[in-house]
Amino acid sequence: MITFAHADNLFVLGLGDGDNRFNAETIGAINDALDVVEASEGPAALITMAEGKIWHNGLDLDYMATLGGDVGAFLASVERLYARLLTLRVPTIAAVQGHCFAGGAMFALAHDHRIMREDRGFFCLPEIDLGMSFTDGMAALIAPRSRNRRCIGFAVGRPGWRANGPGAGRDRLDDHARFDRGRCSRTRKALAPKAGNALVALRQNFYGTTIATLS
């Protein structure tokens, strides 16, 4: 269940304590939260958190099986959500306390900063093991966020490669290997003054092509 709280322009998006997957309901709830963030003024930051052993598990495949010919439209809505994070006026932080897989890993990559536990949870893009490929938008999101091909799960001899916190840090997928709520809170408060048009413009400088492809 998606939750959202804010005080003094410090926003917390809660993904829940279950399987945490994208479907029409969860995407709608996240977009509703982002409406509030976009309407804010002054210093602000957004942190996306979860409870339990999973941060986010990506696409809800059971839900997608009910869509028939509407699957493409649903995938486009997921891509637009990624693009929306990349165009928010506030800094964004993914506080990854557990497993972060597939579309959920891409959700984390759409944030400005990622903080991942070093003692629990894996970051993984397992599409090769699922017999799937990336959309153009998803590939455009992944590529600028990594230093090498291992993160997309098809390095020679290592299909479906997984990273824990330290491993993800070595591959430039997260910003801090160690996760704790105090660190997340301090990081969020330090970043809040950076909200504004300059942040939006800088992201456009670096990720303009990615944003356009996702949109």
C-alpha atoms as a PDB file:
ATOM      1  CA  MET A   1       0.000   0.000   0.000  1.00  0.00           C
ATOM      2  CA  ILE A   2       1.415   3.372  -1.051  1.00  0.00           C
ATOM      3  CA  THR A   3       1.644   5.989   1.697  1.00  0.00           C
ATOM      4  CA  PHE A   4       2.705   9.613   1.548  1.00  0.00           C
ATOM      5  CA  ALA A   5       3.630  12.047   4.290  1.00  0.00           C
ATOM      6  CA  HIS A   6       5.142  15.495   4.333  1.00  0.00           C
ATOM      7  CA  ALA A   7       6.157  18.131   6.851  1.00  0.00           C
ATOM      8  CA  ASP A   8       8.135  21.298   6.279  1.00  0.00           C
ATOM      9  CA  ASN A   9       8.502  20.377   2.602  1.00  0.00           C
ATOM     10  CA  LEU A  10      10.293  17.132   3.416  1.00  0.00           C
ATOM     11  CA  PHE A  11       8.349  14.436   1.604  1.00  0.00           C
ATOM     12  CA  VAL A  12       8.303  10.683   2.297  1.00  0.00           C
ATOM     13  CA  LEU A  13       6.833   8.268  -0.247  1.00  0.00           C
ATOM     14  CA  GLY A  14       6.241   4.819   1.267  1.00  0.00           C
ATOM     15  CA  LEU A  15       6.053   1.880  -1.139  1.00  0.00           C
ATOM     16  CA  GLY A  16       4.700  -0.602   1.418  1.00  0.00           C
ATOM     17  CA  ASP A  17       5.820  -3.828   3.052  1.00  0.00           C
ATOM     18  CA  GLY A  18       4.686  -6.378   0.476  1.00  0.00           C
ATOM     19  CA  ASP A  19       5.706  -7.336  -3.059  1.00  0.00           C
ATOM     20  CA  ASN A  20       5.614  -3.659  -4.124  1.00  0.00           C
ATOM     21  CA  ARG A  21       4.908  -3.809  -7.859  1.00  0.00           C
ATOM     22  CA  PHE A  22       3.680  -1.417 -10.525  1.00  0.00           C
ATOM     23  CA  ASN A  23       0.049  -1.676 -11.569  1.00  0.00           C
ATOM     24  CA  ALA A  24      -2.582   0.949 -12.369  1.00  0.00           C
ATOM     25  CA  GLU A  25      -3.436   1.477  -8.688  1.00  0.00           C
ATOM     26  CA  THR A  26       0.131   1.935  -7.429  1.00  0.00           C
ATOM     27  CA  ILE A  27       1.170   4.133 -10.348  1.00  0.00           C
ATOM     28  CA  GLY A  28      -1.878   6.304  -9.739  1.00  0.00           C
ATOM     29  CA  ALA A  29      -1.057   6.622  -6.029  1.00  0.00           C
ATOM     30  CA  ILE A  30       2.568   7.540  -6.732  1.00  0.00           C
ATOM     31  CA  ASN A  31       1.517  10.139  -9.305  1.00  0.00           C
ATOM     32  CA  ASP A  32      -0.931  11.633  -6.789  1.00  0.00           C
ATOM     33  CA  ALA A  33       1.952  12.010  -4.328  1.00  0.00           C
ATOM     34  CA  LEU A  34       4.161  13.600  -6.982  1.00  0.00           C
ATOM     35  CA  ASP A  35       1.379  16.121  -7.709  1.00  0.00           C
ATOM     36  CA  VAL A  36       1.804  17.382  -4.138  1.00  0.00           C
ATOM     37  CA  VAL A  37       5.599  17.492  -4.484  1.00  0.00           C
ATOM     38  CA  GLU A  38       5.369  19.445  -7.736  1.00  0.00           C
ATOM     39  CA  ALA A  39       3.012  21.974  -6.157  1.00  0.00           C
ATOM     40  CA  SER A  40       5.441  22.693  -3.307  1.00  0.00           C
ATOM     41  CA  GLU A  41       7.561  25.810  -3.136  1.00  0.00           C
ATOM     42  CA  GLY A  42      10.916  26.543  -1.598  1.00  0.00           C
ATOM     43  CA  PRO A  43      13.442  24.036  -0.227  1.00  0.00           C
ATOM     44  CA  ALA A  44      12.191  20.451  -0.417  1.00  0.00           C
ATOM     45  CA  ALA A  45      13.312  16.879  -1.023  1.00  0.00           C
ATOM     46  CA  LEU A  46      11.628  13.541  -1.636  1.00  0.00           C
ATOM     47  CA  ILE A  47      12.701  10.221  -0.145  1.00  0.00           C
ATOM     48  CA  THR A  48      11.188   6.936  -1.357  1.00  0.00           C
ATOM     49  CA  MET A  49      11.223   4.165   1.243  1.00  0.00           C
ATOM     50  CA  ALA A  50       9.708   0.740   1.901  1.00  0.00           C
ATOM     51  CA  GLU A  51       9.398  -1.762   4.727  1.00  0.00           C
ATOM     52  CA  GLY A  52      10.218  -5.456   4.901  1.00  0.00           C
ATOM     53  CA  LYS A  53      12.536  -7.403   2.623  1.00  0.00           C
ATOM     54  CA  ILE A  54      11.536  -5.764  -0.681  1.00  0.00           C
ATOM     55  CA  TRP A  55      11.996  -2.178  -1.820  1.00  0.00           C
ATOM     56  CA  HIS A  56      10.356  -2.670  -5.204  1.00  0.00           C
ATOM     57  CA  ASN A  57       9.896  -5.696  -7.451  1.00  0.00           C
ATOM     58  CA  GLY A  58       8.992  -3.941 -10.691  1.00  0.00           C
ATOM     59  CA  LEU A  59       6.072  -4.747 -12.970  1.00  0.00           C
ATOM     60  CA  ASP A  60       2.999  -6.567 -11.665  1.00  0.00           C
ATOM     61  CA  LEU A  61       3.018  -9.407 -14.199  1.00  0.00           C
ATOM     62  CA  ASP A  62      -0.296 -10.833 -12.974  1.00  0.00           C
ATOM     63  CA  TYR A  63      -1.941  -7.470 -13.559  1.00  0.00           C
ATOM     64  CA  MET A  64      -0.317  -7.160 -16.970  1.00  0.00           C
ATOM     65  CA  ALA A  65      -1.725 -10.561 -17.960  1.00  0.00           C
ATOM     66  CA  THR A  66      -5.214  -9.043 -17.695  1.00  0.00           C
ATOM     67  CA  LEU A  67      -4.475  -6.128 -20.023  1.00  0.00           C
ATOM     68  CA  GLY A  68      -4.456  -7.826 -23.410  1.00  0.00           C
ATOM     69  CA  GLY A  69      -3.705  -5.230 -26.063  1.00  0.00           C
ATOM     70  CA  ASP A  70      -3.302  -2.475 -23.458  1.00  0.00           C
ATOM     71  CA  VAL A  71       0.082  -3.691 -22.226  1.00  0.00           C
ATOM     72  CA  GLY A  72       1.935  -1.135 -24.343  1.00  0.00           C
ATOM     73  CA  ALA A  73      -0.068   1.735 -22.848  1.00  0.00           C
ATOM     74  CA  PHE A  74       0.639   0.448 -19.353  1.00  0.00           C
ATOM     75  CA  LEU A  75       4.400   0.240 -20.011  1.00  0.00           C
ATOM     76  CA  ALA A  76       4.263   3.790 -21.343  1.00  0.00           C
ATOM     77  CA  SER A  77       2.679   4.914 -18.056  1.00  0.00           C
ATOM     78  CA  VAL A  78       5.574   3.318 -16.141  1.00  0.00           C
ATOM     79  CA  GLU A  79       8.088   5.118 -18.356  1.00  0.00           C
ATOM     80  CA  ARG A  80       6.298   8.426 -17.829  1.00  0.00           C
ATOM     81  CA  LEU A  81       6.578   7.881 -14.077  1.00  0.00           C
ATOM     82  CA  TYR A  82      10.354   7.473 -14.431  1.00  0.00           C
ATOM     83  CA  ALA A  83      10.488  10.636 -16.550  1.00  0.00           C
ATOM     84  CA  ARG A  84       8.434  12.508 -13.987  1.00  0.00           C
ATOM     85  CA  LEU A  85      10.964  11.751 -11.262  1.00  0.00           C
ATOM     86  CA  LEU A  86      13.728  13.017 -13.541  1.00  0.00           C
ATOM     87  CA  THR A  87      11.905  16.317 -14.025  1.00  0.00           C
ATOM     88  CA  LEU A  88      10.796  17.065 -10.445  1.00  0.00           C
ATOM     89  CA  ARG A  89      11.919  20.384  -9.006  1.00  0.00           C
ATOM     90  CA  VAL A  90      13.146  18.669  -5.825  1.00  0.00           C
ATOM     91  CA  PRO A  91      16.064  16.290  -5.176  1.00  0.00           C
ATOM     92  CA  THR A  92      14.991  12.656  -4.881  1.00  0.00           C
ATOM     93  CA  ILE A  93      16.466   9.810  -2.832  1.00  0.00           C
ATOM     94  CA  ALA A  94      15.749   6.084  -3.102  1.00  0.00           C
ATOM     95  CA  ALA A  95      16.345   4.536   0.337  1.00  0.00           C
ATOM     96  CA  VAL A  96      16.711   0.883  -0.670  1.00  0.00           C
ATOM     97  CA  GLN A  97      16.351  -1.317   2.401  1.00  0.00           C
ATOM     98  CA  GLY A  98      15.679  -4.586   0.547  1.00  0.00           C
ATOM     99  CA  HIS A  99      15.449  -6.263  -2.850  1.00  0.00           C
ATOM    100  CA  CYS A 100      15.271  -3.915  -5.813  1.00  0.00           C
ATOM    101  CA  PHE A 101      14.533  -5.818  -9.034  1.00  0.00           C
ATOM    102  CA  ALA A 102      13.716  -5.180 -12.706  1.00  0.00           C
ATOM    103  CA  GLY A 103      11.322  -2.229 -13.089  1.00  0.00           C
ATOM    104  CA  GLY A 104      11.867  -1.489  -9.400  1.00  0.00           C
ATOM    105  CA  ALA A 105      15.602  -1.177 -10.010  1.00  0.00           C
ATOM    106  CA  MET A 106      14.829   1.256 -12.827  1.00  0.00           C
ATOM    107  CA  PHE A 107      12.575   3.170 -10.422  1.00  0.00           C
ATOM    108  CA  ALA A 108      15.552   3.541  -8.088  1.00  0.00           C
ATOM    109  CA  LEU A 109      17.749   4.671 -11.000  1.00  0.00           C
ATOM    110  CA  ALA A 110      15.231   7.413 -11.802  1.00  0.00           C
ATOM    111  CA  HIS A 111      16.016   9.016  -8.412  1.00  0.00           C
ATOM    112  CA  ASP A 112      18.912  11.450  -8.019  1.00  0.00           C
ATOM    113  CA  HIS A 113      20.501   9.452  -5.196  1.00  0.00           C
ATOM    114  CA  ARG A 114      20.355   5.840  -4.067  1.00  0.00           C
ATOM    115  CA  ILE A 115      21.224   4.637  -0.567  1.00  0.00           C
ATOM    116  CA  MET A 116      21.337   0.850  -0.216  1.00  0.00           C
ATOM    117  CA  ARG A 117      21.865  -1.471   2.717  1.00  0.00           C
ATOM    118  CA  GLU A 118      25.101  -3.415   2.685  1.00  0.00           C
ATOM    119  CA  ASP A 119      23.797  -6.309   4.789  1.00  0.00           C
ATOM    120  CA  ARG A 120      20.525  -7.169   3.025  1.00  0.00           C
ATOM    121  CA  GLY A 121      18.889  -6.929  -0.380  1.00  0.00           C
ATOM    122  CA  PHE A 122      19.996  -7.184  -3.998  1.00  0.00           C
ATOM    123  CA  PHE A 123      19.874  -4.794  -6.922  1.00  0.00           C
ATOM    124  CA  CYS A 124      19.197  -6.738 -10.120  1.00  0.00           C
ATOM    125  CA  LEU A 125      17.962  -6.309 -13.675  1.00  0.00           C
ATOM    126  CA  PRO A 126      17.067  -9.946 -14.493  1.00  0.00           C
ATOM    127  CA  GLU A 127      15.427  -9.433 -17.882  1.00  0.00           C
ATOM    128  CA  ILE A 128      17.797 -11.832 -19.647  1.00  0.00           C
ATOM    129  CA  ASP A 129      16.693 -14.655 -17.335  1.00  0.00           C
ATOM    130  CA  LEU A 130      13.036 -13.778 -17.967  1.00  0.00           C
ATOM    131  CA  GLY A 131      13.463 -13.811 -21.738  1.00  0.00           C
ATOM    132  CA  MET A 132      12.631 -10.106 -21.889  1.00  0.00           C
ATOM    133  CA  SER A 133      14.265  -7.033 -23.379  1.00  0.00           C
ATOM    134  CA  PHE A 134      14.153  -3.383 -22.372  1.00  0.00           C
ATOM    135  CA  THR A 135      12.053  -0.718 -24.016  1.00  0.00           C
ATOM    136  CA  ASP A 136      14.016   2.118 -25.587  1.00  0.00           C
ATOM    137  CA  GLY A 137      13.085   4.360 -22.669  1.00  0.00           C
ATOM    138  CA  MET A 138      14.205   1.857 -20.055  1.00  0.00           C
ATOM    139  CA  ALA A 139      17.532   1.315 -21.827  1.00  0.00           C
ATOM    140  CA  ALA A 140      18.022   5.077 -22.005  1.00  0.00           C
ATOM    141  CA  LEU A 141      17.422   5.320 -18.248  1.00  0.00           C
ATOM    142  CA  ILE A 142      19.852   2.536 -17.331  1.00  0.00           C
ATOM    143  CA  ALA A 143      22.801   3.437 -19.546  1.00  0.00           C
ATOM    144  CA  PRO A 144      23.836   6.805 -18.046  1.00  0.00           C
ATOM    145  CA  ARG A 145      23.532   5.483 -14.494  1.00  0.00           C
ATOM    146  CA  SER A 146      26.246   2.812 -14.703  1.00  0.00           C
ATOM    147  CA  ARG A 147      29.929   2.463 -15.527  1.00  0.00           C
ATOM    148  CA  ASN A 148      29.809  -0.982 -17.081  1.00  0.00           C
ATOM    149  CA  ARG A 149      27.561  -3.582 -18.673  1.00  0.00           C
ATOM    150  CA  ARG A 150      27.193  -5.765 -15.579  1.00  0.00           C
ATOM    151  CA  CYS A 151      24.286  -3.721 -14.264  1.00  0.00           C
ATOM    152  CA  ILE A 152      22.050  -4.663 -17.192  1.00  0.00           C
ATOM    153  CA  GLY A 153      22.500  -8.328 -16.472  1.00  0.00           C
ATOM    154  CA  PHE A 154      24.157  -9.744 -19.572  1.00  0.00           C
ATOM    155  CA  ALA A 155      27.912  -9.556 -18.971  1.00  0.00           C
ATOM    156  CA  VAL A 156      29.643 -12.584 -20.446  1.00  0.00           C
ATOM    157  CA  GLY A 157      29.352 -15.521 -18.046  1.00  0.00           C
ATOM    158  CA  ARG A 158      27.245 -13.551 -15.541  1.00  0.00           C
ATOM    159  CA  PRO A 159      23.652 -13.370 -16.826  1.00  0.00           C
ATOM    160  CA  GLY A 160      21.172 -11.819 -14.427  1.00  0.00           C
ATOM    161  CA  TRP A 161      24.001 -10.457 -12.249  1.00  0.00           C
ATOM    162  CA  ARG A 162      22.933  -9.217  -8.813  1.00  0.00           C
ATOM    163  CA  ALA A 163      24.606  -6.599  -6.662  1.00  0.00           C
ATOM    164  CA  ASN A 164      24.354  -6.114  -2.931  1.00  0.00           C
ATOM    165  CA  GLY A 165      24.984  -2.701  -1.359  1.00  0.00           C
ATOM    166  CA  PRO A 166      28.789  -2.694  -1.656  1.00  0.00           C
ATOM    167  CA  GLY A 167      28.642  -4.249  -5.132  1.00  0.00           C
ATOM    168  CA  ALA A 168      26.155  -1.676  -6.358  1.00  0.00           C
ATOM    169  CA  GLY A 169      28.383   1.049  -4.959  1.00  0.00           C
ATOM    170  CA  ARG A 170      31.370  -0.216  -6.932  1.00  0.00           C
ATOM    171  CA  ASP A 171      29.306  -0.053 -10.096  1.00  0.00           C
ATOM    172  CA  ARG A 172      28.046   3.460  -9.431  1.00  0.00           C
ATOM    173  CA  LEU A 173      24.452   2.385  -8.904  1.00  0.00           C
ATOM    174  CA  ASP A 174      24.121   3.745  -5.400  1.00  0.00           C
ATOM    175  CA  ASP A 175      25.681   6.653  -3.564  1.00  0.00           C
ATOM    176  CA  HIS A 176      26.241   5.149  -0.136  1.00  0.00           C
ATOM    177  CA  ALA A 177      26.775   1.482   0.669  1.00  0.00           C
ATOM    178  CA  ARG A 178      25.288   1.698   4.156  1.00  0.00           C
ATOM    179  CA  PHE A 179      21.584   2.354   4.724  1.00  0.00           C
ATOM    180  CA  ASP A 180      20.100   3.697   7.913  1.00  0.00           C
ATOM    181  CA  ARG A 181      17.207   6.028   8.588  1.00  0.00           C
ATOM    182  CA  GLY A 182      19.385   8.653  10.239  1.00  0.00           C
ATOM    183  CA  ARG A 183      21.624   8.897   7.197  1.00  0.00           C
ATOM    184  CA  CYS A 184      18.586   9.117   4.929  1.00  0.00           C
ATOM    185  CA  SER A 185      17.127  11.939   6.993  1.00  0.00           C
ATOM    186  CA  ARG A 186      20.404  13.869   7.063  1.00  0.00           C
ATOM    187  CA  THR A 187      20.890  13.425   3.317  1.00  0.00           C
ATOM    188  CA  ARG A 188      17.368  14.591   2.608  1.00  0.00           C
ATOM    189  CA  LYS A 189      17.758  17.726   4.732  1.00  0.00           C
ATOM    190  CA  ALA A 190      21.110  18.536   3.146  1.00  0.00           C
ATOM    191  CA  LEU A 191      19.654  18.265  -0.351  1.00  0.00           C
ATOM    192  CA  ALA A 192      16.420  20.188   0.264  1.00  0.00           C
ATOM    193  CA  PRO A 193      17.980  23.649  -0.382  1.00  0.00           C
ATOM    194  CA  LYS A 194      18.981  22.493  -3.867  1.00  0.00           C
ATOM    195  CA  ALA A 195      15.360  22.309  -5.042  1.00  0.00           C
ATOM    196  CA  GLY A 196      14.389  24.640  -7.844  1.00  0.00           C
ATOM    197  CA  ASN A 197      14.694  25.448 -11.516  1.00  0.00           C
ATOM    198  CA  ALA A 198      18.476  25.032 -11.582  1.00  0.00           C
ATOM    199  CA  LEU A 199      18.105  21.374 -10.576  1.00  0.00           C
ATOM    200  CA  VAL A 200      15.553  20.819 -13.331  1.00  0.00           C
ATOM    201  CA  ALA A 201      17.833  22.476 -15.885  1.00  0.00           C
ATOM    202  CA  LEU A 202      20.886  20.479 -14.814  1.00  0.00           C
ATOM    203  CA  ARG A 203      19.018  17.198 -15.111  1.00  0.00           C
ATOM    204  CA  GLN A 204      17.897  18.287 -18.571  1.00  0.00           C
ATOM    205  CA  ASN A 205      21.546  18.998 -19.458  1.00  0.00           C
ATOM    206  CA  PHE A 206      22.641  15.498 -18.503  1.00  0.00           C
ATOM    207  CA  TYR A 207      19.512  13.394 -19.073  1.00  0.00           C
ATOM    208  CA  GLY A 208      17.543  15.324 -21.691  1.00  0.00           C
ATOM    209  CA  THR A 209      17.679  12.481 -24.215  1.00  0.00           C
ATOM    210  CA  THR A 210      16.631   9.966 -21.551  1.00  0.00           C
ATOM    211  CA  ILE A 211      13.710  12.151 -20.451  1.00  0.00           C
ATOM    212  CA  ALA A 212      12.554  12.623 -24.036  1.00  0.00           C
ATOM    213  CA  THR A 213      12.750   8.882 -24.764  1.00  0.00           C
ATOM    214  CA  LEU A 214      10.826   7.981 -21.604  1.00  0.00           C
ATOM    215  CA  SER A 215       8.178  10.612 -22.259  1.00  0.00           C
END
